[in-house]
Every structure is written in structure tokens, then in C-alpha cells.
Amino acid sequence: MAKKAKQGAGGTPATVALTAAGLPFTVHAYAHDPAAASYGAEAAEALGVSPERVFKTLVADVDGALTVAVVPVAGSLDLKALAAAVGGKKAAMADPAAAERSSGYVRGGISPLGQRRALPTVLDASASAHATICVSAGRRGLEVELSPADLAALTGAVLAPIARP
């Protein structure tokens, strides 16, 4: 049986959720530079991982409902494709404060895992080309590496082509 990670002992809601689910994962910590232009690019460089394998978590508003999009840091989110993936008509980036309130995380550290409120989640289809991907573990300077299938299973994500190069 998996041992529960403790939030006070360096765990985050994301790592607690992974531990509780008994899924294999690896946590990677790095020194976050507050002046970094891109949190995702900083993570890829610090970890020595291809930007195609490091995914950023974005929160969008699709027809009035918050929706999570997980896309490679090497690209950007195609809002029209995201809306289509969840059966919506129109998508826009969510207000940052609303994204933080809903997820329980701060910008630059929003994880698709262990969010305060479960939201519809879409994982870019390119994730399935990799054995493992990295996503935020719930705070700046902390990434979690896991299989795309495990990420999709734990978040209830659908896979769809939602990223632009």
C-alpha cells in the first residue's frame, strides 16, 4: 500500500494525490528564478528535459466553465481546439485570480493534479508520444514526472490535439 505524502513535509496536494492513488512518479526540484520569462522553459532547462516533454497547466474559460489545459511548454494553447475538445463553442484564458482560487495553486505552480476543485481537463495528444512527461508538482521550482496515461487517469483528462507549435 502506498504511503501518504505529507504536505507539511515537502508534499503538495499533487504529490499527495499521486501517492494516495498508488501511482509511480518522480519529483524533481530546481532553484526557481523569479525573473524567469517562462516558468515552463525554466523547468525544462533546469531539469535538462526536452521542452516537448515538459507540460504547462493552463486554466481557460470555456463557455463560462473553467477548464484545465495541459500542453507542452514548447508550444501554446489553441483555444478553439480546447473548446472543441470539451464540446464548447468559445474559450478564453481564465482570469489568473480565478485560476488560483479554483486550483488552490499560484500561477507558475498550477498543477493539473490535486486541484482544490476538479475541473474538466484536456491533455494535449502529443503527450502520448512520451513514456513520461513532467508537469508542475504544485509550486514553482517543483515538477513531477509521470506517465501520460497515469496523468490522464488521475485527472479524468481527455487527450486531444490542443497545442500549437
N, C-alpha and C. Protein backbone atom coordinates (compact mmCIF):
# COMPACT_ATOMS: atom_id res chain seq x y z
N MET A 1 0.85 -1.18 0.00
CA MET A 1 0.00 0.00 0.00
C MET A 1 0.89 1.24 0.00
N ALA A 2 0.51 2.24 -0.78
CA ALA A 2 1.29 3.46 -0.89
C ALA A 2 1.22 4.27 0.40
N LYS A 3 2.34 4.85 0.73
CA LYS A 3 2.41 5.71 1.90
C LYS A 3 1.97 7.11 1.52
N LYS A 4 1.22 7.75 2.36
CA LYS A 4 0.74 9.10 2.05
C LYS A 4 1.86 10.12 2.21
N ALA A 5 1.97 11.00 1.22
CA ALA A 5 2.91 12.10 1.33
C ALA A 5 2.30 13.15 2.25
N LYS A 6 3.13 13.78 3.03
CA LYS A 6 2.63 14.81 3.93
C LYS A 6 2.89 16.17 3.32
N GLN A 7 1.88 17.01 3.27
CA GLN A 7 2.04 18.34 2.71
C GLN A 7 3.05 19.15 3.50
N GLY A 8 3.05 19.05 4.79
CA GLY A 8 3.97 19.82 5.60
C GLY A 8 5.41 19.37 5.46
N ALA A 9 5.64 18.17 4.97
CA ALA A 9 6.99 17.64 4.83
C ALA A 9 7.46 17.72 3.39
N GLY A 10 7.09 18.80 2.70
CA GLY A 10 7.53 19.00 1.33
C GLY A 10 6.57 18.47 0.29
N GLY A 11 5.50 17.82 0.75
CA GLY A 11 4.49 17.33 -0.18
C GLY A 11 3.57 18.46 -0.60
N THR A 12 2.92 18.27 -1.71
CA THR A 12 1.93 19.22 -2.21
C THR A 12 0.64 18.45 -2.44
N PRO A 13 -0.48 19.11 -2.66
CA PRO A 13 -1.69 18.36 -2.98
C PRO A 13 -1.49 17.43 -4.19
N ALA A 14 -0.65 17.84 -5.14
CA ALA A 14 -0.39 17.00 -6.32
C ALA A 14 0.33 15.70 -5.93
N THR A 15 1.37 15.81 -5.12
CA THR A 15 2.11 14.60 -4.74
C THR A 15 1.30 13.75 -3.76
N VAL A 16 0.49 14.39 -2.95
CA VAL A 16 -0.40 13.65 -2.04
C VAL A 16 -1.39 12.83 -2.87
N ALA A 17 -1.96 13.45 -3.92
CA ALA A 17 -2.92 12.74 -4.78
C ALA A 17 -2.27 11.56 -5.49
N LEU A 18 -1.05 11.75 -5.98
CA LEU A 18 -0.34 10.66 -6.66
C LEU A 18 -0.02 9.52 -5.69
N THR A 19 0.43 9.88 -4.51
CA THR A 19 0.76 8.87 -3.50
C THR A 19 -0.49 8.10 -3.10
N ALA A 20 -1.58 8.82 -2.85
CA ALA A 20 -2.84 8.18 -2.45
C ALA A 20 -3.35 7.24 -3.54
N ALA A 21 -3.11 7.59 -4.81
CA ALA A 21 -3.57 6.76 -5.93
C ALA A 21 -2.63 5.57 -6.17
N GLY A 22 -1.46 5.59 -5.51
CA GLY A 22 -0.51 4.49 -5.67
C GLY A 22 0.19 4.50 -7.03
N LEU A 23 0.24 5.66 -7.67
CA LEU A 23 0.86 5.74 -8.99
C LEU A 23 2.35 6.07 -8.88
N PRO A 24 3.16 5.51 -9.78
CA PRO A 24 4.59 5.81 -9.74
C PRO A 24 4.86 7.21 -10.30
N PHE A 25 5.74 7.94 -9.62
CA PHE A 25 6.11 9.28 -10.07
C PHE A 25 7.46 9.65 -9.46
N THR A 26 8.10 10.64 -10.06
CA THR A 26 9.36 11.16 -9.56
C THR A 26 9.23 12.66 -9.42
N VAL A 27 9.66 13.19 -8.29
CA VAL A 27 9.64 14.63 -8.05
C VAL A 27 11.01 15.20 -8.38
N HIS A 28 11.02 16.29 -9.13
CA HIS A 28 12.25 16.99 -9.49
C HIS A 28 12.17 18.42 -8.97
N ALA A 29 13.11 18.79 -8.12
CA ALA A 29 13.15 20.16 -7.60
C ALA A 29 14.30 20.91 -8.28
N TYR A 30 14.11 22.20 -8.46
CA TYR A 30 15.17 23.05 -9.01
C TYR A 30 15.01 24.44 -8.40
N ALA A 31 16.08 25.23 -8.48
CA ALA A 31 16.04 26.59 -7.94
C ALA A 31 15.29 27.49 -8.92
N HIS A 32 14.13 27.94 -8.50
CA HIS A 32 13.30 28.82 -9.34
C HIS A 32 13.86 30.24 -9.34
N ASP A 33 13.97 30.83 -10.51
CA ASP A 33 14.42 32.21 -10.66
C ASP A 33 13.18 33.09 -10.86
N PRO A 34 12.84 33.95 -9.91
CA PRO A 34 11.65 34.80 -10.04
C PRO A 34 11.67 35.68 -11.30
N ALA A 35 12.85 35.91 -11.88
CA ALA A 35 12.96 36.75 -13.07
C ALA A 35 12.79 35.94 -14.36
N ALA A 36 12.59 34.64 -14.25
CA ALA A 36 12.45 33.80 -15.46
C ALA A 36 11.28 34.27 -16.30
N ALA A 37 11.50 34.35 -17.61
CA ALA A 37 10.45 34.82 -18.53
C ALA A 37 9.35 33.78 -18.69
N SER A 38 9.70 32.50 -18.60
CA SER A 38 8.72 31.43 -18.79
C SER A 38 8.98 30.35 -17.75
N TYR A 39 7.97 30.07 -16.92
CA TYR A 39 8.13 29.03 -15.90
C TYR A 39 8.43 27.68 -16.53
N GLY A 40 7.72 27.34 -17.60
CA GLY A 40 7.90 26.05 -18.26
C GLY A 40 9.25 25.89 -18.90
N ALA A 41 9.70 26.91 -19.63
CA ALA A 41 11.01 26.86 -20.27
C ALA A 41 12.10 26.77 -19.20
N GLU A 42 11.91 27.48 -18.10
CA GLU A 42 12.87 27.42 -17.00
C GLU A 42 12.95 26.00 -16.44
N ALA A 43 11.81 25.35 -16.27
CA ALA A 43 11.79 23.98 -15.75
C ALA A 43 12.50 23.03 -16.71
N ALA A 44 12.21 23.13 -18.00
CA ALA A 44 12.83 22.25 -18.99
C ALA A 44 14.35 22.40 -18.96
N GLU A 45 14.82 23.64 -18.94
CA GLU A 45 16.26 23.89 -18.92
C GLU A 45 16.90 23.40 -17.62
N ALA A 46 16.28 23.73 -16.50
CA ALA A 46 16.84 23.34 -15.20
C ALA A 46 16.91 21.83 -15.03
N LEU A 47 15.93 21.12 -15.60
CA LEU A 47 15.90 19.66 -15.45
C LEU A 47 16.63 18.95 -16.58
N GLY A 48 17.03 19.69 -17.62
CA GLY A 48 17.70 19.07 -18.76
C GLY A 48 16.76 18.16 -19.54
N VAL A 49 15.49 18.55 -19.61
CA VAL A 49 14.46 17.75 -20.28
C VAL A 49 13.99 18.52 -21.51
N SER A 50 13.72 17.82 -22.59
CA SER A 50 13.21 18.44 -23.81
C SER A 50 11.92 19.21 -23.51
N PRO A 51 11.77 20.43 -24.05
CA PRO A 51 10.55 21.21 -23.82
C PRO A 51 9.29 20.51 -24.34
N GLU A 52 9.45 19.52 -25.21
CA GLU A 52 8.30 18.75 -25.68
C GLU A 52 7.78 17.79 -24.62
N ARG A 53 8.62 17.50 -23.61
CA ARG A 53 8.22 16.58 -22.53
C ARG A 53 7.80 17.30 -21.25
N VAL A 54 7.99 18.61 -21.20
CA VAL A 54 7.57 19.39 -20.04
C VAL A 54 6.27 20.09 -20.42
N PHE A 55 5.24 19.87 -19.63
CA PHE A 55 3.91 20.40 -19.94
C PHE A 55 3.50 21.46 -18.93
N LYS A 56 2.85 22.50 -19.43
CA LYS A 56 2.35 23.56 -18.57
C LYS A 56 0.85 23.37 -18.38
N THR A 57 0.38 23.81 -17.24
CA THR A 57 -1.04 23.70 -16.90
C THR A 57 -1.66 25.09 -17.00
N LEU A 58 -2.64 25.20 -17.87
CA LEU A 58 -3.33 26.47 -18.09
C LEU A 58 -4.80 26.30 -17.73
N VAL A 59 -5.41 27.36 -17.23
CA VAL A 59 -6.83 27.32 -16.92
C VAL A 59 -7.53 28.29 -17.86
N ALA A 60 -8.52 27.77 -18.56
CA ALA A 60 -9.28 28.57 -19.52
C ALA A 60 -10.75 28.58 -19.12
N ASP A 61 -11.47 29.51 -19.70
CA ASP A 61 -12.91 29.61 -19.52
C ASP A 61 -13.54 29.16 -20.82
N VAL A 62 -14.26 28.05 -20.79
CA VAL A 62 -14.94 27.54 -21.97
C VAL A 62 -16.44 27.69 -21.74
N ASP A 63 -17.04 28.58 -22.49
CA ASP A 63 -18.48 28.83 -22.38
C ASP A 63 -18.92 29.06 -20.93
N GLY A 64 -18.09 29.78 -20.17
CA GLY A 64 -18.44 30.11 -18.79
C GLY A 64 -18.01 29.10 -17.75
N ALA A 65 -17.36 28.00 -18.17
CA ALA A 65 -16.91 26.98 -17.22
C ALA A 65 -15.38 26.88 -17.26
N LEU A 66 -14.75 26.88 -16.09
CA LEU A 66 -13.30 26.73 -16.03
C LEU A 66 -12.91 25.33 -16.50
N THR A 67 -11.85 25.29 -17.29
CA THR A 67 -11.36 24.04 -17.88
C THR A 67 -9.84 24.06 -17.83
N VAL A 68 -9.23 22.93 -17.53
CA VAL A 68 -7.78 22.81 -17.45
C VAL A 68 -7.24 22.29 -18.78
N ALA A 69 -6.18 22.95 -19.27
CA ALA A 69 -5.50 22.51 -20.48
C ALA A 69 -4.04 22.23 -20.12
N VAL A 70 -3.53 21.08 -20.56
CA VAL A 70 -2.15 20.70 -20.26
C VAL A 70 -1.44 20.53 -21.61
N VAL A 71 -0.51 21.45 -21.88
CA VAL A 71 0.16 21.49 -23.18
C VAL A 71 1.67 21.60 -23.01
N PRO A 72 2.44 21.17 -24.03
CA PRO A 72 3.90 21.27 -23.93
C PRO A 72 4.35 22.72 -23.81
N VAL A 73 5.39 22.95 -23.02
CA VAL A 73 5.91 24.31 -22.87
C VAL A 73 6.53 24.79 -24.18
N ALA A 74 6.83 23.87 -25.09
CA ALA A 74 7.40 24.23 -26.38
C ALA A 74 6.37 24.86 -27.31
N GLY A 75 5.11 24.80 -26.95
CA GLY A 75 4.05 25.34 -27.81
C GLY A 75 3.13 26.26 -27.05
N SER A 76 1.97 26.48 -27.63
CA SER A 76 0.96 27.31 -26.98
C SER A 76 -0.40 26.63 -27.11
N LEU A 77 -1.34 27.11 -26.34
CA LEU A 77 -2.68 26.54 -26.32
C LEU A 77 -3.50 27.08 -27.48
N ASP A 78 -4.15 26.17 -28.19
CA ASP A 78 -5.10 26.55 -29.24
C ASP A 78 -6.48 26.58 -28.58
N LEU A 79 -6.95 27.77 -28.28
CA LEU A 79 -8.21 27.93 -27.54
C LEU A 79 -9.40 27.34 -28.29
N LYS A 80 -9.42 27.48 -29.59
CA LYS A 80 -10.52 26.94 -30.40
C LYS A 80 -10.53 25.41 -30.30
N ALA A 81 -9.36 24.79 -30.36
CA ALA A 81 -9.26 23.33 -30.24
C ALA A 81 -9.66 22.87 -28.84
N LEU A 82 -9.30 23.64 -27.82
CA LEU A 82 -9.69 23.29 -26.45
C LEU A 82 -11.21 23.31 -26.33
N ALA A 83 -11.84 24.36 -26.82
CA ALA A 83 -13.30 24.45 -26.75
C ALA A 83 -13.93 23.24 -27.43
N ALA A 84 -13.44 22.89 -28.62
CA ALA A 84 -13.99 21.75 -29.36
C ALA A 84 -13.79 20.44 -28.59
N ALA A 85 -12.66 20.31 -27.91
CA ALA A 85 -12.35 19.07 -27.19
C ALA A 85 -13.32 18.80 -26.05
N VAL A 86 -13.91 19.85 -25.49
CA VAL A 86 -14.87 19.67 -24.39
C VAL A 86 -16.30 19.97 -24.82
N GLY A 87 -16.51 20.04 -26.13
CA GLY A 87 -17.86 20.26 -26.64
C GLY A 87 -18.35 21.68 -26.48
N GLY A 88 -17.42 22.63 -26.34
CA GLY A 88 -17.81 24.03 -26.18
C GLY A 88 -17.69 24.80 -27.48
N LYS A 89 -18.09 26.06 -27.41
CA LYS A 89 -18.05 26.91 -28.60
C LYS A 89 -16.92 27.93 -28.53
N LYS A 90 -16.71 28.51 -27.35
CA LYS A 90 -15.75 29.60 -27.23
C LYS A 90 -14.90 29.44 -25.98
N ALA A 91 -13.60 29.67 -26.13
CA ALA A 91 -12.69 29.59 -24.99
C ALA A 91 -11.82 30.83 -24.92
N ALA A 92 -11.49 31.22 -23.71
CA ALA A 92 -10.58 32.33 -23.46
C ALA A 92 -9.78 31.96 -22.21
N MET A 93 -8.61 32.55 -22.07
CA MET A 93 -7.84 32.28 -20.86
C MET A 93 -8.63 32.79 -19.65
N ALA A 94 -8.60 32.03 -18.59
CA ALA A 94 -9.32 32.41 -17.37
C ALA A 94 -8.58 33.54 -16.67
N ASP A 95 -9.32 34.28 -15.89
CA ASP A 95 -8.71 35.31 -15.05
C ASP A 95 -7.73 34.61 -14.12
N PRO A 96 -6.48 35.11 -14.02
CA PRO A 96 -5.48 34.45 -13.17
C PRO A 96 -5.94 34.24 -11.72
N ALA A 97 -6.65 35.21 -11.17
CA ALA A 97 -7.14 35.07 -9.79
C ALA A 97 -8.15 33.93 -9.69
N ALA A 98 -9.01 33.79 -10.69
CA ALA A 98 -9.99 32.70 -10.69
C ALA A 98 -9.28 31.35 -10.82
N ALA A 99 -8.24 31.29 -11.63
CA ALA A 99 -7.47 30.05 -11.79
C ALA A 99 -6.81 29.67 -10.48
N GLU A 100 -6.25 30.64 -9.78
CA GLU A 100 -5.60 30.36 -8.49
C GLU A 100 -6.61 29.93 -7.44
N ARG A 101 -7.76 30.61 -7.38
CA ARG A 101 -8.80 30.25 -6.40
C ARG A 101 -9.31 28.84 -6.65
N SER A 102 -9.59 28.53 -7.89
CA SER A 102 -10.16 27.24 -8.25
C SER A 102 -9.18 26.09 -8.01
N SER A 103 -7.91 26.31 -8.37
CA SER A 103 -6.93 25.23 -8.29
C SER A 103 -6.31 25.09 -6.90
N GLY A 104 -6.21 26.22 -6.18
CA GLY A 104 -5.53 26.20 -4.89
C GLY A 104 -4.03 26.39 -5.04
N TYR A 105 -3.58 26.67 -6.26
CA TYR A 105 -2.15 26.88 -6.53
C TYR A 105 -1.92 28.30 -7.02
N VAL A 106 -0.65 28.74 -6.98
CA VAL A 106 -0.30 30.05 -7.52
C VAL A 106 0.16 29.91 -8.97
N ARG A 107 -0.02 30.97 -9.75
CA ARG A 107 0.42 30.98 -11.14
C ARG A 107 1.90 30.60 -11.21
N GLY A 108 2.22 29.79 -12.20
CA GLY A 108 3.59 29.30 -12.32
C GLY A 108 3.80 28.03 -11.52
N GLY A 109 2.82 27.67 -10.72
CA GLY A 109 2.90 26.45 -9.92
C GLY A 109 1.60 25.66 -9.96
N ILE A 110 0.72 26.00 -10.91
CA ILE A 110 -0.55 25.29 -11.00
C ILE A 110 -0.30 23.90 -11.57
N SER A 111 -0.72 22.91 -10.83
CA SER A 111 -0.59 21.52 -11.24
C SER A 111 -1.95 21.02 -11.71
N PRO A 112 -1.96 20.11 -12.69
CA PRO A 112 -3.25 19.51 -13.07
C PRO A 112 -3.73 18.52 -12.02
N LEU A 113 -2.85 18.17 -11.09
CA LEU A 113 -3.14 17.17 -10.06
C LEU A 113 -3.45 17.83 -8.72
N GLY A 114 -4.36 17.24 -7.97
CA GLY A 114 -4.63 17.70 -6.61
C GLY A 114 -5.25 19.09 -6.55
N GLN A 115 -5.97 19.47 -7.58
CA GLN A 115 -6.60 20.79 -7.56
C GLN A 115 -7.72 20.83 -6.53
N ARG A 116 -7.94 22.01 -5.98
CA ARG A 116 -8.98 22.21 -4.96
C ARG A 116 -10.34 21.78 -5.49
N ARG A 117 -10.61 22.11 -6.74
CA ARG A 117 -11.89 21.77 -7.38
C ARG A 117 -11.59 21.01 -8.67
N ALA A 118 -12.14 19.83 -8.81
CA ALA A 118 -11.93 19.04 -10.03
C ALA A 118 -12.60 19.74 -11.21
N LEU A 119 -11.82 19.97 -12.25
CA LEU A 119 -12.33 20.63 -13.45
C LEU A 119 -12.15 19.72 -14.65
N PRO A 120 -12.95 19.92 -15.70
CA PRO A 120 -12.70 19.17 -16.93
C PRO A 120 -11.26 19.44 -17.36
N THR A 121 -10.55 18.40 -17.77
CA THR A 121 -9.14 18.52 -18.11
C THR A 121 -8.89 17.92 -19.48
N VAL A 122 -8.07 18.63 -20.28
CA VAL A 122 -7.68 18.14 -21.59
C VAL A 122 -6.15 18.13 -21.65
N LEU A 123 -5.60 16.97 -21.99
CA LEU A 123 -4.16 16.78 -22.12
C LEU A 123 -3.85 16.74 -23.61
N ASP A 124 -2.87 17.55 -24.04
CA ASP A 124 -2.53 17.55 -25.46
C ASP A 124 -2.12 16.15 -25.89
N ALA A 125 -2.61 15.75 -27.06
CA ALA A 125 -2.38 14.40 -27.58
C ALA A 125 -0.90 14.08 -27.77
N SER A 126 -0.06 15.09 -27.91
CA SER A 126 1.38 14.84 -28.09
C SER A 126 2.00 14.16 -26.88
N ALA A 127 1.35 14.24 -25.73
CA ALA A 127 1.88 13.61 -24.52
C ALA A 127 2.03 12.11 -24.69
N SER A 128 1.14 11.50 -25.47
CA SER A 128 1.17 10.04 -25.62
C SER A 128 2.38 9.55 -26.40
N ALA A 129 3.15 10.45 -27.00
CA ALA A 129 4.38 10.07 -27.72
C ALA A 129 5.55 9.85 -26.76
N HIS A 130 5.35 10.14 -25.48
CA HIS A 130 6.44 10.06 -24.49
C HIS A 130 6.10 9.03 -23.41
N ALA A 131 7.13 8.33 -22.94
CA ALA A 131 6.94 7.37 -21.85
C ALA A 131 6.56 8.11 -20.57
N THR A 132 7.21 9.25 -20.34
CA THR A 132 6.89 10.09 -19.18
C THR A 132 6.92 11.55 -19.60
N ILE A 133 6.17 12.36 -18.88
CA ILE A 133 6.17 13.80 -19.06
C ILE A 133 6.32 14.45 -17.69
N CYS A 134 6.66 15.73 -17.70
CA CYS A 134 6.77 16.47 -16.45
C CYS A 134 5.70 17.55 -16.41
N VAL A 135 5.06 17.70 -15.26
CA VAL A 135 4.09 18.77 -15.02
C VAL A 135 4.41 19.37 -13.65
N SER A 136 3.87 20.53 -13.40
CA SER A 136 4.10 21.16 -12.11
C SER A 136 3.62 20.25 -10.98
N ALA A 137 4.41 20.20 -9.93
CA ALA A 137 4.04 19.41 -8.75
C ALA A 137 3.28 20.27 -7.74
N GLY A 138 2.99 21.51 -8.11
CA GLY A 138 2.17 22.34 -7.22
C GLY A 138 2.85 23.55 -6.66
N ARG A 139 4.09 23.80 -7.04
CA ARG A 139 4.73 25.05 -6.67
C ARG A 139 5.88 25.32 -7.63
N ARG A 140 6.24 26.57 -7.72
CA ARG A 140 7.32 26.97 -8.61
C ARG A 140 8.61 26.27 -8.15
N GLY A 141 9.34 25.72 -9.12
CA GLY A 141 10.59 25.03 -8.79
C GLY A 141 10.40 23.57 -8.45
N LEU A 142 9.22 23.03 -8.67
CA LEU A 142 8.96 21.63 -8.35
C LEU A 142 8.12 21.00 -9.46
N GLU A 143 8.67 19.96 -10.08
CA GLU A 143 7.99 19.25 -11.17
C GLU A 143 7.80 17.79 -10.76
N VAL A 144 6.79 17.17 -11.32
CA VAL A 144 6.55 15.75 -11.10
C VAL A 144 6.59 15.07 -12.47
N GLU A 145 7.30 13.95 -12.54
CA GLU A 145 7.40 13.17 -13.77
C GLU A 145 6.57 11.92 -13.62
N LEU A 146 5.70 11.67 -14.61
CA LEU A 146 4.83 10.51 -14.57
C LEU A 146 4.41 10.15 -15.99
N SER A 147 3.76 9.02 -16.13
CA SER A 147 3.31 8.62 -17.46
C SER A 147 2.08 9.44 -17.85
N PRO A 148 1.95 9.76 -19.15
CA PRO A 148 0.77 10.49 -19.59
C PRO A 148 -0.53 9.73 -19.27
N ALA A 149 -0.48 8.41 -19.36
CA ALA A 149 -1.68 7.62 -19.07
C ALA A 149 -2.09 7.78 -17.61
N ASP A 150 -1.11 7.78 -16.70
CA ASP A 150 -1.43 7.96 -15.28
C ASP A 150 -1.98 9.36 -15.02
N LEU A 151 -1.40 10.37 -15.67
CA LEU A 151 -1.90 11.74 -15.52
C LEU A 151 -3.35 11.82 -15.99
N ALA A 152 -3.61 11.25 -17.15
CA ALA A 152 -4.98 11.28 -17.69
C ALA A 152 -5.95 10.54 -16.78
N ALA A 153 -5.52 9.39 -16.27
CA ALA A 153 -6.40 8.60 -15.40
C ALA A 153 -6.73 9.36 -14.12
N LEU A 154 -5.72 9.96 -13.49
CA LEU A 154 -5.94 10.62 -12.21
C LEU A 154 -6.74 11.91 -12.34
N THR A 155 -6.61 12.60 -13.47
CA THR A 155 -7.34 13.87 -13.64
C THR A 155 -8.64 13.69 -14.43
N GLY A 156 -8.85 12.52 -14.99
CA GLY A 156 -10.03 12.30 -15.84
C GLY A 156 -9.90 13.03 -17.17
N ALA A 157 -8.65 13.29 -17.57
CA ALA A 157 -8.42 14.07 -18.78
C ALA A 157 -8.75 13.31 -20.05
N VAL A 158 -9.17 14.06 -21.04
CA VAL A 158 -9.30 13.54 -22.39
C VAL A 158 -8.05 13.99 -23.14
N LEU A 159 -7.60 13.16 -24.08
CA LEU A 159 -6.47 13.53 -24.93
C LEU A 159 -7.01 14.11 -26.22
N ALA A 160 -6.49 15.26 -26.61
CA ALA A 160 -6.92 15.91 -27.85
C ALA A 160 -5.79 16.84 -28.31
N PRO A 161 -5.71 17.07 -29.61
CA PRO A 161 -4.68 17.98 -30.13
C PRO A 161 -5.06 19.44 -29.85
N ILE A 162 -4.58 19.97 -28.71
CA ILE A 162 -4.96 21.32 -28.30
C ILE A 162 -3.79 22.29 -28.30
N ALA A 163 -2.59 21.83 -28.72
CA ALA A 163 -1.41 22.69 -28.70
C ALA A 163 -1.05 23.12 -30.12
N ARG A 164 -0.51 24.32 -30.20
CA ARG A 164 0.08 24.82 -31.45
C ARG A 164 1.58 24.87 -31.24
N PRO A 165 2.36 24.58 -32.30
CA PRO A 165 3.83 24.65 -32.14
C PRO A 165 4.30 26.05 -31.82
